[in-house]
Amino acid sequence: DMSDSYVGFAVTGAGAADLLARGMALDFERLAPDFAGRAKLGEIAVLLDRVPDGWRLRCERSYAEWLEGWLRLSTGGT
């Protein structure tokens, strides 16, 4: 339980790591199957952990709108 100050996003599917690699300086291939930690996506700090079909990101609520927009643009959504 993280509290209401964080918002979570699921990034799942075959291209999940490739999508996140567009904004994160991580080598996703080398991360352990149970990886969990902090990272930067663009200029914001996120909590990142691996889930069975991809990744879960959490950011401070004040950055949630930015992160949602980044995810939409990065996947070609509007």
Protein backbone atom coordinates (compact mmCIF):
# COMPACT_ATOMS: atom_id res chain seq x y z
CA ASP A 1 0.00 0.00 0.00
CA MET A 2 1.73 3.16 -1.22
CA SER A 3 -0.88 5.77 -0.19
CA ASP A 4 -2.92 8.21 -2.19
CA SER A 5 0.12 10.33 -3.04
CA TYR A 6 1.16 7.92 -5.82
CA VAL A 7 -0.59 6.92 -9.04
CA GLY A 8 0.10 3.61 -10.74
CA PHE A 9 0.30 2.66 -14.41
CA ALA A 10 0.62 -0.80 -15.96
CA VAL A 11 2.77 -1.13 -19.06
CA THR A 12 2.28 -4.64 -20.34
CA GLY A 13 2.66 -6.72 -23.44
CA ALA A 14 5.43 -7.79 -25.76
CA GLY A 15 6.82 -4.28 -26.33
CA ALA A 16 6.58 -3.00 -22.76
CA ALA A 17 10.33 -2.84 -22.09
CA ASP A 18 11.01 -1.28 -25.50
CA LEU A 19 8.43 1.41 -24.80
CA LEU A 20 9.91 2.27 -21.42
CA ALA A 21 13.44 2.24 -22.84
CA ARG A 22 12.45 5.27 -24.94
CA GLY A 23 12.39 7.35 -21.78
CA MET A 24 14.59 5.46 -19.33
CA ALA A 25 18.31 4.83 -19.30
CA LEU A 26 17.98 1.20 -18.17
CA ASP A 27 19.06 -2.05 -19.77
CA PHE A 28 15.81 -3.93 -19.28
CA GLU A 29 17.35 -7.17 -20.54
CA ARG A 30 19.73 -7.23 -17.56
CA LEU A 31 17.14 -6.54 -14.85
CA ALA A 32 16.24 -9.47 -12.61
CA PRO A 33 12.81 -11.09 -12.98
CA ASP A 34 11.84 -9.73 -9.55
CA PHE A 35 13.30 -6.26 -10.12
CA ALA A 36 11.83 -3.35 -8.18
CA GLY A 37 13.42 0.05 -7.74
CA ARG A 38 13.49 3.73 -8.50
CA ALA A 39 14.31 5.15 -11.89
CA LYS A 40 13.87 8.29 -13.95
CA LEU A 41 11.52 8.45 -16.87
CA GLY A 42 12.25 11.69 -18.62
CA GLU A 43 12.72 14.11 -15.77
CA ILE A 44 10.45 12.48 -13.19
CA ALA A 45 11.20 9.82 -10.61
CA VAL A 46 9.15 6.64 -10.82
CA LEU A 47 8.91 3.47 -8.81
CA LEU A 48 9.30 0.59 -11.23
CA ASP A 49 8.69 -3.10 -10.72
CA ARG A 50 8.32 -6.08 -12.98
CA VAL A 51 4.96 -7.83 -13.17
CA PRO A 52 4.19 -11.09 -15.03
CA ASP A 53 3.33 -9.45 -18.37
CA GLY A 54 5.39 -6.25 -18.20
CA TRP A 55 6.01 -3.42 -15.78
CA ARG A 56 4.22 -1.33 -13.16
CA LEU A 57 5.15 2.31 -12.71
CA ARG A 58 4.16 4.60 -9.87
CA CYS A 59 4.75 8.31 -9.72
CA GLU A 60 3.78 11.13 -7.41
CA ARG A 61 0.23 12.24 -8.09
CA SER A 62 1.37 15.67 -9.25
CA TYR A 63 3.24 14.04 -12.18
CA ALA A 64 0.52 11.55 -13.16
CA GLU A 65 -0.97 13.66 -15.95
CA TRP A 66 2.47 14.14 -17.51
CA LEU A 67 3.29 10.43 -17.30
CA GLU A 68 -0.07 9.43 -18.77
CA GLY A 69 0.52 11.85 -21.65
CA TRP A 70 4.02 10.51 -22.24
CA LEU A 71 2.72 6.93 -22.33
CA ARG A 72 -0.05 7.86 -24.77
CA LEU A 73 2.28 9.75 -27.10
CA SER A 74 4.90 7.02 -26.96
CA THR A 75 2.37 4.40 -27.99
CA GLY A 76 0.92 6.52 -30.77
CA GLY A 77 -2.27 7.26 -28.84
CA THR A 78 -3.92 10.63 -28.45
